[in-house]
PDB file of N, CA and C in Angstrom:
ATOM      1  N   MET A   1     -33.138  11.455 -26.558  1.00  0.00           N
ATOM      2  CA  MET A   1     -32.297  12.245 -26.331  1.00  0.00           C
ATOM      3  C   MET A   1     -31.914  12.575 -24.991  1.00  0.00           C
ATOM      4  N   LYS A   2     -33.217  11.849 -24.313  1.00  0.00           N
ATOM      5  CA  LYS A   2     -32.999  12.133 -22.919  1.00  0.00           C
ATOM      6  C   LYS A   2     -31.734  11.524 -22.134  1.00  0.00           C
ATOM      7  N   LYS A   3     -31.830  10.005 -22.741  1.00  0.00           N
ATOM      8  CA  LYS A   3     -31.195   8.875 -22.155  1.00  0.00           C
ATOM      9  C   LYS A   3     -29.924   9.327 -22.903  1.00  0.00           C
ATOM     10  N   ILE A   4     -29.463   9.957 -23.880  1.00  0.00           N
ATOM     11  CA  ILE A   4     -27.861  10.225 -24.274  1.00  0.00           C
ATOM     12  C   ILE A   4     -27.497  11.171 -23.372  1.00  0.00           C
ATOM     13  N   ILE A   5     -28.238  12.354 -23.089  1.00  0.00           N
ATOM     14  CA  ILE A   5     -27.868  13.178 -22.321  1.00  0.00           C
ATOM     15  C   ILE A   5     -27.739  12.517 -20.874  1.00  0.00           C
ATOM     16  N   LEU A   6     -28.218  12.256 -20.093  1.00  0.00           N
ATOM     17  CA  LEU A   6     -28.213  11.560 -18.847  1.00  0.00           C
ATOM     18  C   LEU A   6     -27.213  10.541 -18.807  1.00  0.00           C
ATOM     19  N   THR A   7     -27.025   9.285 -19.684  1.00  0.00           N
ATOM     20  CA  THR A   7     -25.828   8.333 -19.855  1.00  0.00           C
ATOM     21  C   THR A   7     -24.144   9.531 -19.844  1.00  0.00           C
ATOM     22  N   SER A   8     -25.011  10.447 -20.488  1.00  0.00           N
ATOM     23  CA  SER A   8     -23.343  11.005 -20.795  1.00  0.00           C
ATOM     24  C   SER A   8     -22.792  11.986 -19.341  1.00  0.00           C
ATOM     25  N   LEU A   9     -23.755  12.379 -18.838  1.00  0.00           N
ATOM     26  CA  LEU A   9     -23.830  13.101 -17.663  1.00  0.00           C
ATOM     27  C   LEU A   9     -23.589  11.878 -16.395  1.00  0.00           C
ATOM     28  N   THR A  10     -23.758  10.616 -16.542  1.00  0.00           N
ATOM     29  CA  THR A  10     -23.484   9.281 -15.333  1.00  0.00           C
ATOM     30  C   THR A  10     -21.974   9.115 -15.794  1.00  0.00           C
ATOM     31  N   VAL A  11     -21.962   9.189 -16.721  1.00  0.00           N
ATOM     32  CA  VAL A  11     -20.304   8.959 -17.210  1.00  0.00           C
ATOM     33  C   VAL A  11     -18.983   9.500 -16.882  1.00  0.00           C
ATOM     34  N   SER A  12     -19.498  11.034 -17.048  1.00  0.00           N
ATOM     35  CA  SER A  12     -18.938  12.392 -16.671  1.00  0.00           C
ATOM     36  C   SER A  12     -18.433  12.370 -15.152  1.00  0.00           C
ATOM     37  N   LEU A  13     -19.375  12.072 -14.314  1.00  0.00           N
ATOM     38  CA  LEU A  13     -19.392  12.048 -13.062  1.00  0.00           C
ATOM     39  C   LEU A  13     -19.133  10.840 -12.516  1.00  0.00           C
ATOM     40  N   MET A  14     -18.544   9.803 -13.298  1.00  0.00           N
ATOM     41  CA  MET A  14     -17.883   8.337 -12.568  1.00  0.00           C
ATOM     42  C   MET A  14     -16.415   9.367 -13.526  1.00  0.00           C
ATOM     43  N   LEU A  15     -15.826   9.321 -13.825  1.00  0.00           N
ATOM     44  CA  LEU A  15     -14.676  10.045 -14.460  1.00  0.00           C
ATOM     45  C   LEU A  15     -14.600  10.957 -13.612  1.00  0.00           C
ATOM     46  N   ALA A  16     -14.988  11.801 -13.248  1.00  0.00           N
ATOM     47  CA  ALA A  16     -14.801  13.291 -12.287  1.00  0.00           C
ATOM     48  C   ALA A  16     -14.406  12.183 -10.736  1.00  0.00           C
ATOM     49  N   LEU A  17     -15.258  11.238 -10.241  1.00  0.00           N
ATOM     50  CA  LEU A  17     -15.012  10.727  -9.239  1.00  0.00           C
ATOM     51  C   LEU A  17     -13.538   9.650  -9.082  1.00  0.00           C
ATOM     52  N   GLN A  18     -13.420   9.482 -10.393  1.00  0.00           N
ATOM     53  CA  GLN A  18     -12.157   8.531  -9.943  1.00  0.00           C
ATOM     54  C   GLN A  18     -11.261   9.332  -9.961  1.00  0.00           C
ATOM     55  N   SER A  19     -11.065  10.372 -10.936  1.00  0.00           N
ATOM     56  CA  SER A  19     -10.056  11.536 -11.247  1.00  0.00           C
ATOM     57  C   SER A  19      -9.647  11.909  -9.868  1.00  0.00           C
ATOM     58  N   SER A  20     -10.496  11.887  -8.649  1.00  0.00           N
ATOM     59  CA  SER A  20     -10.420  12.929  -7.409  1.00  0.00           C
ATOM     60  C   SER A  20      -9.527  11.798  -6.742  1.00  0.00           C
ATOM     61  N   ALA A  21     -10.618  10.504  -6.866  1.00  0.00           N
ATOM     62  CA  ALA A  21     -10.184   9.447  -6.094  1.00  0.00           C
ATOM     63  C   ALA A  21      -8.472   8.993  -6.203  1.00  0.00           C
ATOM     64  N   TRP A  22      -8.048   9.335  -7.215  1.00  0.00           N
ATOM     65  CA  TRP A  22      -6.844   9.170  -8.254  1.00  0.00           C
ATOM     66  C   TRP A  22      -5.824  10.284  -7.499  1.00  0.00           C
ATOM     67  N   ALA A  23      -6.177  10.978  -7.212  1.00  0.00           N
ATOM     68  CA  ALA A  23      -5.322  12.986  -7.106  1.00  0.00           C
ATOM     69  C   ALA A  23      -4.588  12.797  -5.921  1.00  0.00           C
ATOM     70  N   HIS A  24      -4.802  11.463  -5.182  1.00  0.00           N
ATOM     71  CA  HIS A  24      -4.182  11.891  -3.644  1.00  0.00           C
ATOM     72  C   HIS A  24      -2.627  10.246  -3.852  1.00  0.00           C
ATOM     73  N   ALA A  25      -1.759  10.858  -3.199  1.00  0.00           N
ATOM     74  CA  ALA A  25      -0.624   9.404  -2.963  1.00  0.00           C
ATOM     75  C   ALA A  25      -0.965   8.911  -1.354  1.00  0.00           C
ATOM     76  N   PHE A  26      -1.516   7.659  -2.023  1.00  0.00           N
ATOM     77  CA  PHE A  26      -1.814   6.579  -0.734  1.00  0.00           C
ATOM     78  C   PHE A  26      -0.476   6.177  -0.636  1.00  0.00           C
ATOM     79  N   LEU A  27      -0.389   5.155   0.738  1.00  0.00           N
ATOM     80  CA  LEU A  27       0.375   4.329   0.632  1.00  0.00           C
ATOM     81  C   LEU A  27       0.411   2.829  -0.525  1.00  0.00           C
ATOM     82  N   ASP A  28       1.162   2.446  -1.076  1.00  0.00           N
ATOM     83  CA  ASP A  28       1.342   1.305  -1.869  1.00  0.00           C
ATOM     84  C   ASP A  28       1.661  -0.541  -1.269  1.00  0.00           C
ATOM     85  N   HIS A  29       2.918  -0.178  -0.431  1.00  0.00           N
ATOM     86  CA  HIS A  29       3.331  -1.024   0.290  1.00  0.00           C
ATOM     87  C   HIS A  29       4.926  -0.342   0.496  1.00  0.00           C
ATOM     88  N   ALA A  30       5.136  -1.155   1.655  1.00  0.00           N
ATOM     89  CA  ALA A  30       6.710  -0.889   1.991  1.00  0.00           C
ATOM     90  C   ALA A  30       6.731  -2.014   2.750  1.00  0.00           C
ATOM     91  N   GLU A  31       8.852  -1.615   2.884  1.00  0.00           N
ATOM     92  CA  GLU A  31       9.559  -2.821   3.178  1.00  0.00           C
ATOM     93  C   GLU A  31      10.361  -1.987   4.482  1.00  0.00           C
ATOM     94  N   PRO A  32      10.194  -2.416   6.007  1.00  0.00           N
ATOM     95  CA  PRO A  32       9.362  -3.858   5.963  1.00  0.00           C
ATOM     96  C   PRO A  32       8.200  -3.752   5.265  1.00  0.00           C
ATOM     97  N   LYS A  33       7.530  -4.704   5.733  1.00  0.00           N
ATOM     98  CA  LYS A  33       5.896  -4.598   5.132  1.00  0.00           C
ATOM     99  C   LYS A  33       4.968  -4.135   6.425  1.00  0.00           C
ATOM    100  N   VAL A  34       4.018  -3.429   6.177  1.00  0.00           N
ATOM    101  CA  VAL A  34       3.079  -2.922   7.222  1.00  0.00           C
ATOM    102  C   VAL A  34       2.881  -4.393   7.871  1.00  0.00           C
ATOM    103  N   GLY A  35       2.588  -3.870   9.139  1.00  0.00           N
ATOM    104  CA  GLY A  35       2.571  -4.929  10.024  1.00  0.00           C
ATOM    105  C   GLY A  35       3.423  -6.128  10.105  1.00  0.00           C
ATOM    106  N   GLY A  36       4.484  -5.823   9.595  1.00  0.00           N
ATOM    107  CA  GLY A  36       5.264  -7.075   9.799  1.00  0.00           C
ATOM    108  C   GLY A  36       6.557  -6.856  10.408  1.00  0.00           C
ATOM    109  N   THR A  37       7.152  -8.302  10.627  1.00  0.00           N
ATOM    110  CA  THR A  37       8.499  -8.341  11.545  1.00  0.00           C
ATOM    111  C   THR A  37       9.268  -9.394  10.949  1.00  0.00           C
ATOM    112  N   VAL A  38      10.741  -8.347  10.837  1.00  0.00           N
ATOM    113  CA  VAL A  38      12.051  -8.908  10.582  1.00  0.00           C
ATOM    114  C   VAL A  38      12.814  -9.327  11.760  1.00  0.00           C
ATOM    115  N   GLY A  39      14.163 -10.127  11.172  1.00  0.00           N
ATOM    116  CA  GLY A  39      14.884 -10.829  12.382  1.00  0.00           C
ATOM    117  C   GLY A  39      16.132  -9.928  12.756  1.00  0.00           C
ATOM    118  N   HIS A  40      16.164  -8.862  11.829  1.00  0.00           N
ATOM    119  CA  HIS A  40      17.336  -7.295  12.213  1.00  0.00           C
ATOM    120  C   HIS A  40      17.050  -6.525  12.004  1.00  0.00           C
ATOM    121  N   SER A  41      17.799  -5.723  12.020  1.00  0.00           N
ATOM    122  CA  SER A  41      17.653  -4.416  11.747  1.00  0.00           C
ATOM    123  C   SER A  41      17.780  -3.948  10.558  1.00  0.00           C
ATOM    124  N   PRO A  42      16.719  -3.628   9.983  1.00  0.00           N
ATOM    125  CA  PRO A  42      16.760  -2.679   8.192  1.00  0.00           C
ATOM    126  C   PRO A  42      17.798  -1.597   8.155  1.00  0.00           C
ATOM    127  N   ALA A  43      18.504  -1.730   7.076  1.00  0.00           N
ATOM    128  CA  ALA A  43      19.319  -0.854   6.889  1.00  0.00           C
ATOM    129  C   ALA A  43      18.352   0.780   6.586  1.00  0.00           C
ATOM    130  N   GLU A  44      17.442   0.531   5.803  1.00  0.00           N
ATOM    131  CA  GLU A  44      16.612   1.700   5.445  1.00  0.00           C
ATOM    132  C   GLU A  44      14.664   1.712   5.570  1.00  0.00           C
ATOM    133  N   ILE A  45      13.953   2.277   5.671  1.00  0.00           N
ATOM    134  CA  ILE A  45      12.969   1.817   5.452  1.00  0.00           C
ATOM    135  C   ILE A  45      11.894   2.333   4.068  1.00  0.00           C
ATOM    136  N   LYS A  46      11.581   1.852   3.265  1.00  0.00           N
ATOM    137  CA  LYS A  46      11.082   2.328   2.295  1.00  0.00           C
ATOM    138  C   LYS A  46      10.028   2.239   2.072  1.00  0.00           C
ATOM    139  N   VAL A  47       9.178   3.146   1.377  1.00  0.00           N
ATOM    140  CA  VAL A  47       7.626   3.076   1.212  1.00  0.00           C
ATOM    141  C   VAL A  47       7.137   3.826   0.089  1.00  0.00           C
ATOM    142  N   TRP A  48       6.935   2.828  -0.446  1.00  0.00           N
ATOM    143  CA  TRP A  48       6.278   3.101  -1.939  1.00  0.00           C
ATOM    144  C   TRP A  48       4.700   4.048  -1.925  1.00  0.00           C
ATOM    145  N   PHE A  49       4.235   4.733  -2.636  1.00  0.00           N
ATOM    146  CA  PHE A  49       2.915   5.375  -2.955  1.00  0.00           C
ATOM    147  C   PHE A  49       2.407   5.182  -4.344  1.00  0.00           C
ATOM    148  N   THR A  50       1.253   5.383  -3.984  1.00  0.00           N
ATOM    149  CA  THR A  50       0.336   5.442  -5.464  1.00  0.00           C
ATOM    150  C   THR A  50       0.810   6.427  -6.446  1.00  0.00           C
ATOM    151  N   GLN A  51       1.088   7.327  -5.881  1.00  0.00           N
ATOM    152  CA  GLN A  51       1.544   8.816  -7.283  1.00  0.00           C
ATOM    153  C   GLN A  51       3.056   9.214  -6.772  1.00  0.00           C
ATOM    154  N   ASN A  52       3.440   9.981  -7.902  1.00  0.00           N
ATOM    155  CA  ASN A  52       4.841  10.713  -7.028  1.00  0.00           C
ATOM    156  C   ASN A  52       4.738  11.794  -5.975  1.00  0.00           C
ATOM    157  N   LEU A  53       5.432  11.749  -5.582  1.00  0.00           N
ATOM    158  CA  LEU A  53       5.761  12.801  -4.611  1.00  0.00           C
ATOM    159  C   LEU A  53       6.275  14.112  -4.862  1.00  0.00           C
ATOM    160  N   GLU A  54       5.898  14.987  -3.608  1.00  0.00           N
ATOM    161  CA  GLU A  54       6.781  16.111  -3.706  1.00  0.00           C
ATOM    162  C   GLU A  54       7.587  16.172  -2.507  1.00  0.00           C
ATOM    163  N   PRO A  55       8.756  16.325  -2.858  1.00  0.00           N
ATOM    164  CA  PRO A  55       9.744  15.902  -1.493  1.00  0.00           C
ATOM    165  C   PRO A  55       9.929  17.183  -0.908  1.00  0.00           C
ATOM    166  N   ALA A  56       9.543  18.245  -1.417  1.00  0.00           N
ATOM    167  CA  ALA A  56       9.600  19.307  -0.580  1.00  0.00           C
ATOM    168  C   ALA A  56       8.727  19.203   0.434  1.00  0.00           C
ATOM    169  N   PHE A  57       7.505  18.921   0.363  1.00  0.00           N
ATOM    170  CA  PHE A  57       6.636  18.636   1.424  1.00  0.00           C
ATOM    171  C   PHE A  57       6.004  17.725   1.783  1.00  0.00           C
ATOM    172  N   SER A  58       6.872  16.360   2.103  1.00  0.00           N
ATOM    173  CA  SER A  58       6.253  14.958   2.492  1.00  0.00           C
ATOM    174  C   SER A  58       7.497  14.856   3.450  1.00  0.00           C
ATOM    175  N   LYS A  59       6.870  13.702   4.416  1.00  0.00           N
ATOM    176  CA  LYS A  59       7.924  13.564   5.583  1.00  0.00           C
ATOM    177  C   LYS A  59       7.936  12.057   5.471  1.00  0.00           C
ATOM    178  N   LEU A  60       8.764  11.429   6.292  1.00  0.00           N
ATOM    179  CA  LEU A  60       9.003  10.107   6.720  1.00  0.00           C
ATOM    180  C   LEU A  60       9.692  10.205   8.073  1.00  0.00           C
ATOM    181  N   GLU A  61       9.375   9.381   9.168  1.00  0.00           N
ATOM    182  CA  GLU A  61       9.951   9.488   9.948  1.00  0.00           C
ATOM    183  C   GLU A  61       9.928   7.884  10.757  1.00  0.00           C
ATOM    184  N   VAL A  62      10.577   7.478  11.578  1.00  0.00           N
ATOM    185  CA  VAL A  62      10.853   6.032  12.484  1.00  0.00           C
ATOM    186  C   VAL A  62      10.544   6.362  13.928  1.00  0.00           C
ATOM    187  N   GLN A  63       9.949   6.226  14.422  1.00  0.00           N
ATOM    188  CA  GLN A  63       9.494   6.670  15.862  1.00  0.00           C
ATOM    189  C   GLN A  63       9.926   4.970  16.736  1.00  0.00           C
ATOM    190  N   ASP A  64      10.821   5.284  18.005  1.00  0.00           N
ATOM    191  CA  ASP A  64      10.795   4.063  18.574  1.00  0.00           C
ATOM    192  C   ASP A  64       9.329   3.486  19.660  1.00  0.00           C
ATOM    193  N   ALA A  65       8.807   2.900  20.626  1.00  0.00           N
ATOM    194  CA  ALA A  65       7.698   2.729  21.236  1.00  0.00           C
ATOM    195  C   ALA A  65       7.759   3.802  22.178  1.00  0.00           C
ATOM    196  N   GLN A  66       8.719   4.619  22.580  1.00  0.00           N
ATOM    197  CA  GLN A  66       8.562   5.874  23.235  1.00  0.00           C
ATOM    198  C   GLN A  66       7.997   7.362  22.690  1.00  0.00           C
ATOM    199  N   GLY A  67       8.043   6.814  20.790  1.00  0.00           N
ATOM    200  CA  GLY A  67       7.860   8.163  20.182  1.00  0.00           C
ATOM    201  C   GLY A  67       9.114   9.309  19.925  1.00  0.00           C
ATOM    202  N   LYS A  68      10.280   8.453  20.453  1.00  0.00           N
ATOM    203  CA  LYS A  68      11.281   8.974  19.816  1.00  0.00           C
ATOM    204  C   LYS A  68      11.854   8.882  18.461  1.00  0.00           C
ATOM    205  N   GLU A  69      12.263   9.659  17.913  1.00  0.00           N
ATOM    206  CA  GLU A  69      12.547   9.630  16.284  1.00  0.00           C
ATOM    207  C   GLU A  69      13.986   8.646  16.412  1.00  0.00           C
ATOM    208  N   VAL A  70      14.286   8.114  15.705  1.00  0.00           N
ATOM    209  CA  VAL A  70      15.574   6.992  15.421  1.00  0.00           C
ATOM    210  C   VAL A  70      15.966   6.555  14.443  1.00  0.00           C
ATOM    211  N   ASP A  71      15.638   7.065  13.261  1.00  0.00           N
ATOM    212  CA  ASP A  71      16.063   7.182  11.483  1.00  0.00           C
ATOM    213  C   ASP A  71      17.475   8.328  11.966  1.00  0.00           C
ATOM    214  N   LYS A  72      17.924   8.230  10.695  1.00  0.00           N
ATOM    215  CA  LYS A  72      19.042   9.569  10.486  1.00  0.00           C
ATOM    216  C   LYS A  72      18.635  10.158   9.648  1.00  0.00           C
ATOM    217  N   LYS A  73      17.055  10.839   9.810  1.00  0.00           N
ATOM    218  CA  LYS A  73      16.507  12.666   9.483  1.00  0.00           C
ATOM    219  C   LYS A  73      17.075  12.741   7.447  1.00  0.00           C
ATOM    220  N   ASN A  74      17.207  11.434   7.192  1.00  0.00           N
ATOM    221  CA  ASN A  74      17.802  11.982   5.558  1.00  0.00           C
ATOM    222  C   ASN A  74      16.445  11.610   4.958  1.00  0.00           C
ATOM    223  N   ALA A  75      15.377  11.642   4.867  1.00  0.00           N
ATOM    224  CA  ALA A  75      14.574  11.351   4.121  1.00  0.00           C
ATOM    225  C   ALA A  75      14.492  11.534   2.627  1.00  0.00           C
ATOM    226  N   ARG A  76      14.263  10.912   1.364  1.00  0.00           N
ATOM    227  CA  ARG A  76      14.342  11.154   0.359  1.00  0.00           C
ATOM    228  C   ARG A  76      13.682  10.133  -0.308  1.00  0.00           C
ATOM    229  N   LEU A  77      13.526  11.160  -1.919  1.00  0.00           N
ATOM    230  CA  LEU A  77      12.755  10.112  -3.052  1.00  0.00           C
ATOM    231  C   LEU A  77      14.097   9.597  -3.647  1.00  0.00           C
ATOM    232  N   ASP A  78      13.529   8.243  -4.181  1.00  0.00           N
ATOM    233  CA  ASP A  78      14.257   7.301  -4.891  1.00  0.00           C
ATOM    234  C   ASP A  78      14.672   8.043  -5.910  1.00  0.00           C
ATOM    235  N   GLY A  79      16.161   8.106  -6.406  1.00  0.00           N
ATOM    236  CA  GLY A  79      16.378   8.826  -7.908  1.00  0.00           C
ATOM    237  C   GLY A  79      15.887   8.529  -8.999  1.00  0.00           C
ATOM    238  N   LYS A  80      15.455   7.291  -9.324  1.00  0.00           N
ATOM    239  CA  LYS A  80      14.715   7.169 -10.442  1.00  0.00           C
ATOM    240  C   LYS A  80      12.941   6.742 -10.143  1.00  0.00           C
ATOM    241  N   ASP A  81      12.654   6.359  -9.161  1.00  0.00           N
ATOM    242  CA  ASP A  81      11.140   6.520  -8.881  1.00  0.00           C
ATOM    243  C   ASP A  81      10.921   7.543  -7.788  1.00  0.00           C
ATOM    244  N   LYS A  82      10.218   7.988  -8.295  1.00  0.00           N
ATOM    245  CA  LYS A  82       9.358   9.330  -7.421  1.00  0.00           C
ATOM    246  C   LYS A  82       8.455   8.955  -6.461  1.00  0.00           C
ATOM    247  N   SER A  83       7.729   7.737  -6.574  1.00  0.00           N
ATOM    248  CA  SER A  83       6.803   7.434  -5.597  1.00  0.00           C
ATOM    249  C   SER A  83       7.385   6.558  -4.345  1.00  0.00           C
ATOM    250  N   LEU A  84       9.037   6.685  -4.523  1.00  0.00           N
ATOM    251  CA  LEU A  84       9.366   5.587  -3.492  1.00  0.00           C
ATOM    252  C   LEU A  84      10.190   6.523  -2.477  1.00  0.00           C
ATOM    253  N   PHE A  85       9.778   6.695  -1.216  1.00  0.00           N
ATOM    254  CA  PHE A  85       9.855   7.489  -0.385  1.00  0.00           C
ATOM    255  C   PHE A  85      11.244   6.627   0.675  1.00  0.00           C
ATOM    256  N   LEU A  86      12.506   6.982   0.996  1.00  0.00           N
ATOM    257  CA  LEU A  86      13.335   6.003   2.046  1.00  0.00           C
ATOM    258  C   LEU A  86      13.920   7.185   2.985  1.00  0.00           C
ATOM    259  N   VAL A  87      14.012   6.329   4.495  1.00  0.00           N
ATOM    260  CA  VAL A  87      14.633   6.694   5.377  1.00  0.00           C
ATOM    261  C   VAL A  87      15.486   5.914   5.775  1.00  0.00           C
ATOM    262  N   SER A  88      17.084   6.047   5.996  1.00  0.00           N
ATOM    263  CA  SER A  88      18.001   5.221   6.310  1.00  0.00           C
ATOM    264  C   SER A  88      17.947   5.431   8.053  1.00  0.00           C
ATOM    265  N   LEU A  89      18.169   4.183   8.416  1.00  0.00           N
ATOM    266  CA  LEU A  89      18.096   3.876  10.331  1.00  0.00           C
ATOM    267  C   LEU A  89      19.372   3.243  10.618  1.00  0.00           C
ATOM    268  N   PRO A  90      19.877   3.469  11.675  1.00  0.00           N
ATOM    269  CA  PRO A  90      20.993   2.925  12.439  1.00  0.00           C
ATOM    270  C   PRO A  90      20.500   1.973  13.060  1.00  0.00           C
ATOM    271  N   GLU A  91      21.716   1.097  13.518  1.00  0.00           N
ATOM    272  CA  GLU A  91      20.920  -0.440  14.094  1.00  0.00           C
ATOM    273  C   GLU A  91      20.360  -0.440  15.150  1.00  0.00           C
ATOM    274  N   LEU A  92      19.058  -0.622  15.005  1.00  0.00           N
ATOM    275  CA  LEU A  92      17.937  -1.055  15.930  1.00  0.00           C
ATOM    276  C   LEU A  92      17.922  -1.878  16.776  1.00  0.00           C
ATOM    277  N   PRO A  93      17.580  -1.869  17.557  1.00  0.00           N
ATOM    278  CA  PRO A  93      17.312  -2.982  18.849  1.00  0.00           C
ATOM    279  C   PRO A  93      15.935  -3.986  18.946  1.00  0.00           C
ATOM    280  N   ALA A  94      15.908  -5.035  19.056  1.00  0.00           N
ATOM    281  CA  ALA A  94      14.393  -5.456  18.879  1.00  0.00           C
ATOM    282  C   ALA A  94      13.227  -4.677  19.659  1.00  0.00           C
ATOM    283  N   GLY A  95      12.316  -4.726  18.913  1.00  0.00           N
ATOM    284  CA  GLY A  95      10.987  -3.822  19.396  1.00  0.00           C
ATOM    285  C   GLY A  95      10.131  -3.267  18.200  1.00  0.00           C
ATOM    286  N   THR A  96       9.155  -2.570  19.052  1.00  0.00           N
ATOM    287  CA  THR A  96       8.223  -2.130  17.722  1.00  0.00           C
ATOM    288  C   THR A  96       8.311  -0.964  17.197  1.00  0.00           C
ATOM    289  N   TYR A  97       8.659  -0.979  15.976  1.00  0.00           N
ATOM    290  CA  TYR A  97       8.476   0.797  15.840  1.00  0.00           C
ATOM    291  C   TYR A  97       7.439   1.432  14.863  1.00  0.00           C
ATOM    292  N   THR A  98       7.566   2.386  14.499  1.00  0.00           N
ATOM    293  CA  THR A  98       6.346   3.260  14.302  1.00  0.00           C
ATOM    294  C   THR A  98       6.615   3.957  12.665  1.00  0.00           C
ATOM    295  N   VAL A  99       6.712   3.676  11.748  1.00  0.00           N
ATOM    296  CA  VAL A  99       6.526   4.471  10.718  1.00  0.00           C
ATOM    297  C   VAL A  99       5.410   5.788   9.923  1.00  0.00           C
ATOM    298  N   ILE A 100       6.154   6.749  10.519  1.00  0.00           N
ATOM    299  CA  ILE A 100       4.714   7.984  10.136  1.00  0.00           C
ATOM    300  C   ILE A 100       5.050   8.865   8.679  1.00  0.00           C
ATOM    301  N   TRP A 101       4.561   9.097   8.054  1.00  0.00           N
ATOM    302  CA  TRP A 101       4.473   9.512   6.797  1.00  0.00           C
ATOM    303  C   TRP A 101       3.203  10.494   6.706  1.00  0.00           C
ATOM    304  N   HIS A 102       3.825  11.516   5.961  1.00  0.00           N
ATOM    305  CA  HIS A 102       3.016  12.728   5.634  1.00  0.00           C
ATOM    306  C   HIS A 102       3.722  12.873   3.684  1.00  0.00           C
ATOM    307  N   ALA A 103       2.673  12.584   2.751  1.00  0.00           N
ATOM    308  CA  ALA A 103       3.103  12.819   1.651  1.00  0.00           C
ATOM    309  C   ALA A 103       2.047  13.984   1.058  1.00  0.00           C
ATOM    310  N   VAL A 104       2.670  14.519   0.260  1.00  0.00           N
ATOM    311  CA  VAL A 104       2.268  15.394  -0.880  1.00  0.00           C
ATOM    312  C   VAL A 104       2.452  15.165  -2.232  1.00  0.00           C
ATOM    313  N   SER A 105       1.306  14.581  -2.685  1.00  0.00           N
ATOM    314  CA  SER A 105       1.873  14.308  -4.662  1.00  0.00           C
ATOM    315  C   SER A 105       2.240  15.661  -5.298  1.00  0.00           C
ATOM    316  N   VAL A 106       2.410  15.363  -6.490  1.00  0.00           N
ATOM    317  CA  VAL A 106       3.029  16.279  -7.300  1.00  0.00           C
ATOM    318  C   VAL A 106       1.853  17.131  -7.012  1.00  0.00           C
ATOM    319  N   ASP A 107       0.373  16.703  -7.330  1.00  0.00           N
ATOM    320  CA  ASP A 107      -0.642  17.586  -7.976  1.00  0.00           C
ATOM    321  C   ASP A 107      -0.717  18.137  -6.184  1.00  0.00           C
ATOM    322  N   THR A 108      -0.147  17.917  -5.395  1.00  0.00           N
ATOM    323  CA  THR A 108      -0.240  19.419  -4.686  1.00  0.00           C
ATOM    324  C   THR A 108      -1.376  18.362  -2.933  1.00  0.00           C
ATOM    325  N   HIS A 109      -1.751  17.015  -3.663  1.00  0.00           N
ATOM    326  CA  HIS A 109      -3.027  16.676  -2.498  1.00  0.00           C
ATOM    327  C   HIS A 109      -2.264  15.867  -1.290  1.00  0.00           C
ATOM    328  N   LYS A 110      -2.434  15.494  -0.196  1.00  0.00           N
ATOM    329  CA  LYS A 110      -2.010  15.831   1.073  1.00  0.00           C
ATOM    330  C   LYS A 110      -2.671  14.484   1.522  1.00  0.00           C
ATOM    331  N   THR A 111      -1.852  13.475   2.073  1.00  0.00           N
ATOM    332  CA  THR A 111      -2.257  12.736   2.726  1.00  0.00           C
ATOM    333  C   THR A 111      -1.615  12.303   3.986  1.00  0.00           C
ATOM    334  N   GLN A 112      -1.826  11.822   4.616  1.00  0.00           N
ATOM    335  CA  GLN A 112      -0.851  10.709   5.918  1.00  0.00           C
ATOM    336  C   GLN A 112      -1.154   9.661   6.277  1.00  0.00           C
ATOM    337  N   GLY A 113      -0.792   9.193   7.891  1.00  0.00           N
ATOM    338  CA  GLY A 113      -0.498   8.039   7.954  1.00  0.00           C
ATOM    339  C   GLY A 113       0.541   7.359   9.019  1.00  0.00           C
ATOM    340  N   HIS A 114       0.361   6.399   9.173  1.00  0.00           N
ATOM    341  CA  HIS A 114       1.236   5.643   9.737  1.00  0.00           C
ATOM    342  C   HIS A 114       1.200   3.595   9.645  1.00  0.00           C
ATOM    343  N   PHE A 115       2.285   3.221  10.189  1.00  0.00           N
ATOM    344  CA  PHE A 115       2.393   1.618  10.291  1.00  0.00           C
ATOM    345  C   PHE A 115       3.251   1.291  11.491  1.00  0.00           C
ATOM    346  N   GLN A 116       3.027  -0.036  11.717  1.00  0.00           N
ATOM    347  CA  GLN A 116       4.014  -0.656  12.504  1.00  0.00           C
ATOM    348  C   GLN A 116       4.866  -1.616  12.107  1.00  0.00           C
ATOM    349  N   PHE A 117       6.627  -1.459  12.323  1.00  0.00           N
ATOM    350  CA  PHE A 117       6.718  -3.111  12.379  1.00  0.00           C
ATOM    351  C   PHE A 117       7.641  -3.356  12.995  1.00  0.00           C
ATOM    352  N   THR A 118       7.989  -4.475  13.301  1.00  0.00           N
ATOM    353  CA  THR A 118       9.015  -5.200  14.600  1.00  0.00           C
ATOM    354  C   THR A 118      10.286  -5.931  14.627  1.00  0.00           C
ATOM    355  N   ILE A 119      10.954  -5.901  15.278  1.00  0.00           N
ATOM    356  CA  ILE A 119      12.120  -6.532  14.836  1.00  0.00           C
ATOM    357  C   ILE A 119      12.424  -7.224  16.008  1.00  0.00           C
ATOM    358  N   LYS A 120      12.722  -8.528  15.795  1.00  0.00           N
ATOM    359  CA  LYS A 120      12.930  -9.427  16.610  1.00  0.00           C
ATOM    360  C   LYS A 120      13.994  -9.630  17.241  1.00  0.00           C
TER     361      LYS A 120
END
């Protein structure tokens, strides 16, 4: 009987830990790629997350090497994929840019981060 209870508690704890780990929207992948180099200025930045986002509380911006925001300030979720966050860009010159994101998943958990890409 003790073994069944112990096994049951162990499984419950494992499931609880997995659920809490899955409850946050983390960066899955991006275009341009994280740390990547592109040959020309992209028209937009696309960032996919591991969960759907709450757009009213999430933010996506692109900064140049001096820390100036250079995107078109129109961050939005994709119409069909609520885990895809996008922001449009003007034609940018060669250089290294930083994408900064703050994500709030639909279950209200917050994450944030940044990555760089380079235009040659």
